[in-house]
């Protein structure tokens, strides 16, 4: 998002963040995107400094707090009726479910 002109102060990033340092990851502290069919190698896309909420702090209550502007546990939206807000939510749950750890 920042590469597309969105300022960091306008991004609130929640990520459970359990892959980069997982014992199964052969590249500790790194995450690589997929190499291309043309042979372009994957790029390390991991940057823990850009995560506002991680681990146990990624939960339903903090997600609601962010959306509702409650910054008691960390950054939250400071939007109003004229704001344009984009929420990108990715989960590996099932059909009809929105899940947080």
Protein backbone atom coordinates (compact mmCIF):
# COMPACT_ATOMS: atom_id res chain seq x y z
CA UNK A 1 0.00 0.00 0.00
CA UNK A 2 2.82 2.39 0.82
CA UNK A 3 4.38 1.67 -2.57
CA UNK A 4 1.10 2.93 -4.05
CA UNK A 5 1.17 6.23 -2.18
CA UNK A 6 -0.71 5.50 1.03
CA UNK A 7 1.10 7.08 3.97
CA UNK A 8 2.16 4.72 6.79
CA UNK A 9 0.25 6.82 9.34
CA UNK A 10 -2.94 5.96 7.40
CA UNK A 11 -2.42 2.20 7.70
CA UNK A 12 -3.30 0.02 10.68
CA UNK A 13 -1.82 -3.45 10.24
CA UNK A 14 -3.04 -6.46 12.24
CA UNK A 15 -1.13 -9.69 11.53
CA UNK A 16 -0.99 -12.79 13.68
CA UNK A 17 2.63 -12.97 12.52
CA UNK A 18 3.43 -16.60 13.30
CA UNK A 19 5.16 -17.73 10.11
CA UNK A 20 8.46 -15.84 9.78
CA UNK A 21 9.91 -17.25 13.00
CA UNK A 22 8.14 -20.62 12.88
CA UNK A 23 10.46 -23.58 13.40
CA UNK A 24 9.36 -24.97 10.01
CA UNK A 25 10.52 -21.86 8.15
CA UNK A 26 14.02 -22.55 6.78
CA UNK A 27 14.62 -18.79 6.38
CA UNK A 28 14.11 -17.52 9.96
CA UNK A 29 12.69 -14.01 10.12
CA UNK A 30 11.99 -13.90 6.40
CA UNK A 31 9.01 -14.57 4.12
CA UNK A 32 9.41 -14.86 0.38
CA UNK A 33 6.80 -14.34 -2.29
CA UNK A 34 6.57 -16.90 -5.09
CA UNK A 35 9.23 -16.94 -7.81
CA UNK A 36 7.90 -16.28 -11.30
CA UNK A 37 7.68 -18.85 -14.09
CA UNK A 38 10.34 -16.80 -15.91
CA UNK A 39 12.78 -17.57 -13.09
CA UNK A 40 12.67 -14.28 -11.20
CA UNK A 41 13.50 -15.23 -7.60
CA UNK A 42 11.12 -14.57 -4.74
CA UNK A 43 11.55 -11.40 -2.70
CA UNK A 44 11.63 -11.21 1.11
CA UNK A 45 8.34 -9.41 1.84
CA UNK A 46 8.50 -9.61 5.64
CA UNK A 47 8.86 -6.46 7.73
CA UNK A 48 7.75 -6.83 11.34
CA UNK A 49 8.29 -3.11 11.99
CA UNK A 50 5.13 -2.34 10.01
CA UNK A 51 2.80 -4.46 12.19
CA UNK A 52 0.66 -2.58 14.72
CA UNK A 53 -1.07 -5.57 16.33
CA UNK A 54 0.42 -9.09 16.36
CA UNK A 55 0.03 -12.43 18.13
CA UNK A 56 -2.58 -12.49 20.88
CA UNK A 57 -3.37 -8.82 20.20
CA UNK A 58 -4.98 -9.84 16.90
CA UNK A 59 -8.43 -10.59 18.26
CA UNK A 60 -12.06 -9.70 17.77
CA UNK A 61 -12.08 -6.94 20.37
CA UNK A 62 -9.05 -5.12 18.99
CA UNK A 63 -10.41 -5.46 15.44
CA UNK A 64 -13.66 -3.83 16.59
CA UNK A 65 -11.69 -1.20 18.53
CA UNK A 66 -9.75 -0.26 15.39
CA UNK A 67 -12.95 0.08 13.36
CA UNK A 68 -14.77 2.00 16.09
CA UNK A 69 -11.93 4.46 16.77
CA UNK A 70 -11.08 3.13 20.26
CA UNK A 71 -7.32 3.57 20.62
CA UNK A 72 -7.09 2.22 24.18
CA UNK A 73 -5.04 -0.81 23.02
CA UNK A 74 -3.21 0.71 20.04
CA UNK A 75 -3.85 2.66 16.85
CA UNK A 76 -7.45 3.03 15.70
CA UNK A 77 -9.31 4.72 12.87
CA UNK A 78 -9.89 8.43 13.26
CA UNK A 79 -12.42 8.58 10.47
CA UNK A 80 -15.75 10.31 10.02
CA UNK A 81 -18.70 10.07 7.65
CA UNK A 82 -16.61 11.65 4.87
CA UNK A 83 -13.68 9.24 5.15
CA UNK A 84 -12.88 6.49 2.69
CA UNK A 85 -11.83 3.37 4.60
CA UNK A 86 -10.46 0.21 3.00
CA UNK A 87 -10.45 -3.01 5.04
CA UNK A 88 -8.49 -5.97 3.68
CA UNK A 89 -9.28 -9.05 5.76
CA UNK A 90 -7.63 -12.38 4.99
CA UNK A 91 -8.43 -15.56 6.87
CA UNK A 92 -8.26 -19.29 6.22
CA UNK A 93 -11.57 -20.07 7.93
CA UNK A 94 -14.64 -21.60 6.35
CA UNK A 95 -17.59 -20.39 4.30
CA UNK A 96 -19.68 -17.84 6.17
CA UNK A 97 -17.07 -17.33 8.90
CA UNK A 98 -14.91 -14.38 9.83
CA UNK A 99 -12.34 -15.57 12.34
CA UNK A 100 -9.57 -14.14 14.45
CA UNK A 101 -7.27 -16.19 16.65
